[in-house]
Amino acid sequence: MDESKTIAALAALAQPTRLQTFRLLVEREPEGVPAGELARLIGVPQNTMSTHLSIMANAGMVIGERQSRSIIYRADLEGFRSVMLYLLQNCCGGNAALCVPLIADLTPCCPPKEGATDRT
Protein backbone atom coordinates (compact mmCIF):
# COMPACT_ATOMS: atom_id res chain seq x y z
CA MET A 1 0.00 0.00 0.00
CA ASP A 2 1.28 3.45 -0.79
CA GLU A 3 0.29 6.91 0.34
CA SER A 4 -1.98 7.74 -2.62
CA LYS A 5 -3.94 4.47 -2.31
CA THR A 6 -4.30 5.00 1.43
CA ILE A 7 -5.61 8.52 0.88
CA ALA A 8 -8.12 7.24 -1.71
CA ALA A 9 -9.33 4.53 0.68
CA LEU A 10 -9.70 6.93 3.59
CA ALA A 11 -11.45 9.48 1.36
CA ALA A 12 -13.88 6.80 0.19
CA LEU A 13 -14.83 6.09 3.80
CA ALA A 14 -14.93 9.77 4.81
CA GLN A 15 -18.61 10.15 3.92
CA PRO A 16 -21.49 9.01 6.16
CA THR A 17 -23.34 6.79 3.67
CA ARG A 18 -20.16 5.06 2.52
CA LEU A 19 -18.92 4.54 6.07
CA GLN A 20 -22.30 3.06 7.09
CA THR A 21 -22.22 0.84 4.02
CA PHE A 22 -18.71 -0.40 4.72
CA ARG A 23 -19.56 -1.16 8.36
CA LEU A 24 -22.69 -3.03 7.26
CA LEU A 25 -20.68 -5.07 4.76
CA VAL A 26 -18.13 -5.94 7.45
CA GLU A 27 -21.00 -7.17 9.65
CA ARG A 28 -22.31 -9.30 6.79
CA GLU A 29 -19.03 -11.02 5.95
CA PRO A 30 -18.55 -13.39 4.24
CA GLU A 31 -22.01 -13.60 2.66
CA GLY A 32 -22.14 -10.05 1.31
CA VAL A 33 -25.22 -8.01 0.46
CA PRO A 34 -26.92 -7.38 -2.90
CA ALA A 35 -26.68 -3.77 -4.06
CA GLY A 36 -30.44 -3.20 -3.94
CA GLU A 37 -30.68 -4.51 -0.40
CA LEU A 38 -27.78 -2.27 0.64
CA ALA A 39 -29.67 0.75 -0.69
CA ARG A 40 -32.80 -0.30 1.20
CA LEU A 41 -30.93 -1.00 4.46
CA ILE A 42 -29.03 2.30 4.35
CA GLY A 43 -32.09 4.22 3.14
CA VAL A 44 -30.79 5.75 -0.08
CA PRO A 45 -31.96 5.49 -3.71
CA GLN A 46 -30.40 2.63 -5.68
CA ASN A 47 -28.63 4.97 -8.12
CA THR A 48 -27.09 6.86 -5.19
CA MET A 49 -25.91 3.59 -3.63
CA SER A 50 -24.46 2.54 -6.97
CA THR A 51 -22.36 5.72 -7.05
CA HIS A 52 -21.15 5.17 -3.49
CA LEU A 53 -20.27 1.52 -4.20
CA SER A 54 -18.34 2.55 -7.31
CA ILE A 55 -16.28 5.04 -5.30
CA MET A 56 -15.54 2.44 -2.64
CA ALA A 57 -14.69 -0.25 -5.20
CA ASN A 58 -12.28 2.08 -7.02
CA ALA A 59 -10.61 2.81 -3.67
CA GLY A 60 -10.24 -0.90 -2.87
CA MET A 61 -12.71 -0.96 0.02
CA VAL A 62 -15.44 -3.17 -1.49
CA ILE A 63 -15.66 -5.97 -4.03
CA GLY A 64 -18.69 -6.62 -6.22
CA GLU A 65 -19.43 -10.07 -7.62
CA ARG A 66 -22.14 -10.72 -10.17
CA GLN A 67 -24.48 -13.56 -9.23
CA SER A 68 -27.17 -14.03 -11.82
CA ARG A 69 -28.93 -10.63 -12.13
CA SER A 70 -27.59 -9.23 -8.84
CA ILE A 71 -24.26 -7.86 -7.75
CA ILE A 72 -23.27 -9.03 -4.29
CA TYR A 73 -20.98 -6.62 -2.47
CA ARG A 74 -18.50 -7.53 0.23
CA ALA A 75 -16.04 -5.50 2.24
CA ASP A 76 -12.56 -5.85 0.77
CA LEU A 77 -10.97 -6.87 4.06
CA GLU A 78 -7.56 -7.32 2.45
CA GLY A 79 -7.68 -3.78 1.10
CA PHE A 80 -8.76 -2.49 4.51
CA ARG A 81 -5.98 -4.50 6.15
CA SER A 82 -3.43 -2.89 3.82
CA VAL A 83 -4.66 0.58 4.77
CA MET A 84 -4.45 -0.20 8.49
CA LEU A 85 -0.98 -1.69 8.14
CA TYR A 86 0.19 1.38 6.22
CA LEU A 87 -1.15 3.65 8.95
CA LEU A 88 0.45 1.59 11.72
CA GLN A 89 3.79 1.06 10.01
CA ASN A 90 6.58 1.99 12.42
CA CYS A 91 4.02 2.23 15.21
CA CYS A 92 5.20 3.71 18.50
CA GLY A 93 8.75 4.37 17.31
CA GLY A 94 9.66 0.72 17.67
CA ASN A 95 8.57 0.55 21.31
CA ALA A 96 6.46 -2.61 21.20
CA ALA A 97 5.10 -2.05 24.72
CA LEU A 98 3.30 1.09 23.53
CA CYS A 99 1.56 -0.90 20.78
CA VAL A 100 0.15 -3.59 23.08
CA PRO A 101 -3.12 -1.74 23.92
CA LEU A 102 -3.70 -0.89 20.26
CA ILE A 103 -3.12 -4.47 19.15
CA ALA A 104 -5.40 -5.74 21.92
CA ASP A 105 -8.18 -3.43 20.72
CA LEU A 106 -7.74 -4.66 17.17
CA THR A 107 -8.07 -8.30 18.17
CA PRO A 108 -11.24 -9.71 16.58
CA CYS A 109 -14.34 -9.58 18.73
CA CYS A 110 -15.21 -13.15 17.81
CA PRO A 111 -12.90 -16.11 17.29
CA PRO A 112 -12.91 -17.79 13.87
CA LYS A 113 -15.53 -20.49 13.52
CA GLU A 114 -14.12 -23.97 13.56
CA GLY A 115 -13.78 -25.29 10.06
CA ALA A 116 -14.12 -21.81 8.54
CA THR A 117 -12.42 -21.47 5.20
CA ASP A 118 -11.21 -18.58 3.12
CA ARG A 119 -13.74 -17.53 0.47
CA THR A 120 -11.16 -17.25 -2.29
C-alpha atoms as a PDB file:
ATOM      1  CA  MET A   1       0.000   0.000   0.000  1.00  0.00           C
ATOM      2  CA  ASP A   2       1.279   3.446  -0.791  1.00  0.00           C
ATOM      3  CA  GLU A   3       0.286   6.909   0.336  1.00  0.00           C
ATOM      4  CA  SER A   4      -1.983   7.742  -2.617  1.00  0.00           C
ATOM      5  CA  LYS A   5      -3.937   4.466  -2.312  1.00  0.00           C
ATOM      6  CA  THR A   6      -4.299   4.995   1.427  1.00  0.00           C
ATOM      7  CA  ILE A   7      -5.612   8.522   0.881  1.00  0.00           C
ATOM      8  CA  ALA A   8      -8.116   7.243  -1.709  1.00  0.00           C
ATOM      9  CA  ALA A   9      -9.330   4.533   0.676  1.00  0.00           C
ATOM     10  CA  LEU A  10      -9.700   6.932   3.589  1.00  0.00           C
ATOM     11  CA  ALA A  11     -11.450   9.483   1.362  1.00  0.00           C
ATOM     12  CA  ALA A  12     -13.881   6.804   0.189  1.00  0.00           C
ATOM     13  CA  LEU A  13     -14.830   6.088   3.804  1.00  0.00           C
ATOM     14  CA  ALA A  14     -14.930   9.770   4.810  1.00  0.00           C
ATOM     15  CA  GLN A  15     -18.606  10.149   3.921  1.00  0.00           C
ATOM     16  CA  PRO A  16     -21.489   9.012   6.164  1.00  0.00           C
ATOM     17  CA  THR A  17     -23.340   6.786   3.671  1.00  0.00           C
ATOM     18  CA  ARG A  18     -20.162   5.061   2.516  1.00  0.00           C
ATOM     19  CA  LEU A  19     -18.923   4.539   6.065  1.00  0.00           C
ATOM     20  CA  GLN A  20     -22.305   3.061   7.090  1.00  0.00           C
ATOM     21  CA  THR A  21     -22.222   0.836   4.022  1.00  0.00           C
ATOM     22  CA  PHE A  22     -18.705  -0.403   4.722  1.00  0.00           C
ATOM     23  CA  ARG A  23     -19.556  -1.165   8.360  1.00  0.00           C
ATOM     24  CA  LEU A  24     -22.693  -3.034   7.264  1.00  0.00           C
ATOM     25  CA  LEU A  25     -20.685  -5.069   4.763  1.00  0.00           C
ATOM     26  CA  VAL A  26     -18.131  -5.941   7.451  1.00  0.00           C
ATOM     27  CA  GLU A  27     -21.000  -7.171   9.652  1.00  0.00           C
ATOM     28  CA  ARG A  28     -22.314  -9.299   6.788  1.00  0.00           C
ATOM     29  CA  GLU A  29     -19.028 -11.020   5.947  1.00  0.00           C
ATOM     30  CA  PRO A  30     -18.548 -13.392   4.245  1.00  0.00           C
ATOM     31  CA  GLU A  31     -22.012 -13.600   2.661  1.00  0.00           C
ATOM     32  CA  GLY A  32     -22.135 -10.048   1.314  1.00  0.00           C
ATOM     33  CA  VAL A  33     -25.217  -8.011   0.456  1.00  0.00           C
ATOM     34  CA  PRO A  34     -26.921  -7.384  -2.903  1.00  0.00           C
ATOM     35  CA  ALA A  35     -26.675  -3.769  -4.063  1.00  0.00           C
ATOM     36  CA  GLY A  36     -30.437  -3.196  -3.939  1.00  0.00           C
ATOM     37  CA  GLU A  37     -30.675  -4.509  -0.396  1.00  0.00           C
ATOM     38  CA  LEU A  38     -27.784  -2.268   0.644  1.00  0.00           C
ATOM     39  CA  ALA A  39     -29.674   0.747  -0.693  1.00  0.00           C
ATOM     40  CA  ARG A  40     -32.798  -0.305   1.205  1.00  0.00           C
ATOM     41  CA  LEU A  41     -30.934  -0.998   4.463  1.00  0.00           C
ATOM     42  CA  ILE A  42     -29.027   2.302   4.352  1.00  0.00           C
ATOM     43  CA  GLY A  43     -32.086   4.219   3.143  1.00  0.00           C
ATOM     44  CA  VAL A  44     -30.792   5.752  -0.083  1.00  0.00           C
ATOM     45  CA  PRO A  45     -31.960   5.490  -3.710  1.00  0.00           C
ATOM     46  CA  GLN A  46     -30.400   2.630  -5.683  1.00  0.00           C
ATOM     47  CA  ASN A  47     -28.634   4.966  -8.119  1.00  0.00           C
ATOM     48  CA  THR A  48     -27.087   6.860  -5.191  1.00  0.00           C
ATOM     49  CA  MET A  49     -25.913   3.594  -3.629  1.00  0.00           C
ATOM     50  CA  SER A  50     -24.463   2.542  -6.973  1.00  0.00           C
ATOM     51  CA  THR A  51     -22.361   5.715  -7.047  1.00  0.00           C
ATOM     52  CA  HIS A  52     -21.151   5.165  -3.492  1.00  0.00           C
ATOM     53  CA  LEU A  53     -20.270   1.522  -4.204  1.00  0.00           C
ATOM     54  CA  SER A  54     -18.338   2.550  -7.313  1.00  0.00           C
ATOM     55  CA  ILE A  55     -16.275   5.043  -5.304  1.00  0.00           C
ATOM     56  CA  MET A  56     -15.543   2.443  -2.639  1.00  0.00           C
ATOM     57  CA  ALA A  57     -14.689  -0.248  -5.202  1.00  0.00           C
ATOM     58  CA  ASN A  58     -12.284   2.082  -7.024  1.00  0.00           C
ATOM     59  CA  ALA A  59     -10.615   2.807  -3.673  1.00  0.00           C
ATOM     60  CA  GLY A  60     -10.237  -0.904  -2.870  1.00  0.00           C
ATOM     61  CA  MET A  61     -12.711  -0.957   0.017  1.00  0.00           C
ATOM     62  CA  VAL A  62     -15.439  -3.173  -1.488  1.00  0.00           C
ATOM     63  CA  ILE A  63     -15.665  -5.967  -4.031  1.00  0.00           C
ATOM     64  CA  GLY A  64     -18.690  -6.625  -6.219  1.00  0.00           C
ATOM     65  CA  GLU A  65     -19.426 -10.073  -7.619  1.00  0.00           C
ATOM     66  CA  ARG A  66     -22.143 -10.717 -10.173  1.00  0.00           C
ATOM     67  CA  GLN A  67     -24.481 -13.559  -9.229  1.00  0.00           C
ATOM     68  CA  SER A  68     -27.175 -14.030 -11.823  1.00  0.00           C
ATOM     69  CA  ARG A  69     -28.932 -10.630 -12.127  1.00  0.00           C
ATOM     70  CA  SER A  70     -27.589  -9.228  -8.844  1.00  0.00           C
ATOM     71  CA  ILE A  71     -24.256  -7.864  -7.752  1.00  0.00           C
ATOM     72  CA  ILE A  72     -23.271  -9.031  -4.291  1.00  0.00           C
ATOM     73  CA  TYR A  73     -20.983  -6.619  -2.468  1.00  0.00           C
ATOM     74  CA  ARG A  74     -18.495  -7.527   0.226  1.00  0.00           C
ATOM     75  CA  ALA A  75     -16.039  -5.497   2.240  1.00  0.00           C
ATOM     76  CA  ASP A  76     -12.558  -5.845   0.775  1.00  0.00           C
ATOM     77  CA  LEU A  77     -10.966  -6.865   4.060  1.00  0.00           C
ATOM     78  CA  GLU A  78      -7.561  -7.323   2.455  1.00  0.00           C
ATOM     79  CA  GLY A  79      -7.683  -3.776   1.097  1.00  0.00           C
ATOM     80  CA  PHE A  80      -8.755  -2.493   4.508  1.00  0.00           C
ATOM     81  CA  ARG A  81      -5.975  -4.502   6.152  1.00  0.00           C
ATOM     82  CA  SER A  82      -3.435  -2.889   3.816  1.00  0.00           C
ATOM     83  CA  VAL A  83      -4.662   0.578   4.772  1.00  0.00           C
ATOM     84  CA  MET A  84      -4.453  -0.200   8.485  1.00  0.00           C
ATOM     85  CA  LEU A  85      -0.977  -1.689   8.139  1.00  0.00           C
ATOM     86  CA  TYR A  86       0.186   1.377   6.216  1.00  0.00           C
ATOM     87  CA  LEU A  87      -1.154   3.649   8.953  1.00  0.00           C
ATOM     88  CA  LEU A  88       0.450   1.588  11.716  1.00  0.00           C
ATOM     89  CA  GLN A  89       3.793   1.058  10.006  1.00  0.00           C
ATOM     90  CA  ASN A  90       6.577   1.993  12.417  1.00  0.00           C
ATOM     91  CA  CYS A  91       4.021   2.232  15.209  1.00  0.00           C
ATOM     92  CA  CYS A  92       5.203   3.709  18.501  1.00  0.00           C
ATOM     93  CA  GLY A  93       8.745   4.367  17.312  1.00  0.00           C
ATOM     94  CA  GLY A  94       9.657   0.717  17.670  1.00  0.00           C
ATOM     95  CA  ASN A  95       8.573   0.547  21.312  1.00  0.00           C
ATOM     96  CA  ALA A  96       6.464  -2.608  21.205  1.00  0.00           C
ATOM     97  CA  ALA A  97       5.096  -2.052  24.719  1.00  0.00           C
ATOM     98  CA  LEU A  98       3.303   1.088  23.525  1.00  0.00           C
ATOM     99  CA  CYS A  99       1.563  -0.896  20.782  1.00  0.00           C
ATOM    100  CA  VAL A 100       0.148  -3.595  23.078  1.00  0.00           C
ATOM    101  CA  PRO A 101      -3.117  -1.739  23.923  1.00  0.00           C
ATOM    102  CA  LEU A 102      -3.699  -0.886  20.261  1.00  0.00           C
ATOM    103  CA  ILE A 103      -3.124  -4.469  19.151  1.00  0.00           C
ATOM    104  CA  ALA A 104      -5.396  -5.744  21.920  1.00  0.00           C
ATOM    105  CA  ASP A 105      -8.183  -3.427  20.723  1.00  0.00           C
ATOM    106  CA  LEU A 106      -7.738  -4.662  17.169  1.00  0.00           C
ATOM    107  CA  THR A 107      -8.071  -8.302  18.173  1.00  0.00           C
ATOM    108  CA  PRO A 108     -11.244  -9.711  16.583  1.00  0.00           C
ATOM    109  CA  CYS A 109     -14.341  -9.585  18.726  1.00  0.00           C
ATOM    110  CA  CYS A 110     -15.205 -13.148  17.813  1.00  0.00           C
ATOM    111  CA  PRO A 111     -12.897 -16.106  17.286  1.00  0.00           C
ATOM    112  CA  PRO A 112     -12.907 -17.795  13.874  1.00  0.00           C
ATOM    113  CA  LYS A 113     -15.528 -20.492  13.518  1.00  0.00           C
ATOM    114  CA  GLU A 114     -14.121 -23.970  13.564  1.00  0.00           C
ATOM    115  CA  GLY A 115     -13.779 -25.291  10.056  1.00  0.00           C
ATOM    116  CA  ALA A 116     -14.124 -21.814   8.545  1.00  0.00           C
ATOM    117  CA  THR A 117     -12.418 -21.474   5.196  1.00  0.00           C
ATOM    118  CA  ASP A 118     -11.209 -18.578   3.118  1.00  0.00           C
ATOM    119  CA  ARG A 119     -13.745 -17.527   0.465  1.00  0.00           C
ATOM    120  CA  THR A 120     -11.159 -17.248  -2.287  1.00  0.00           C
END
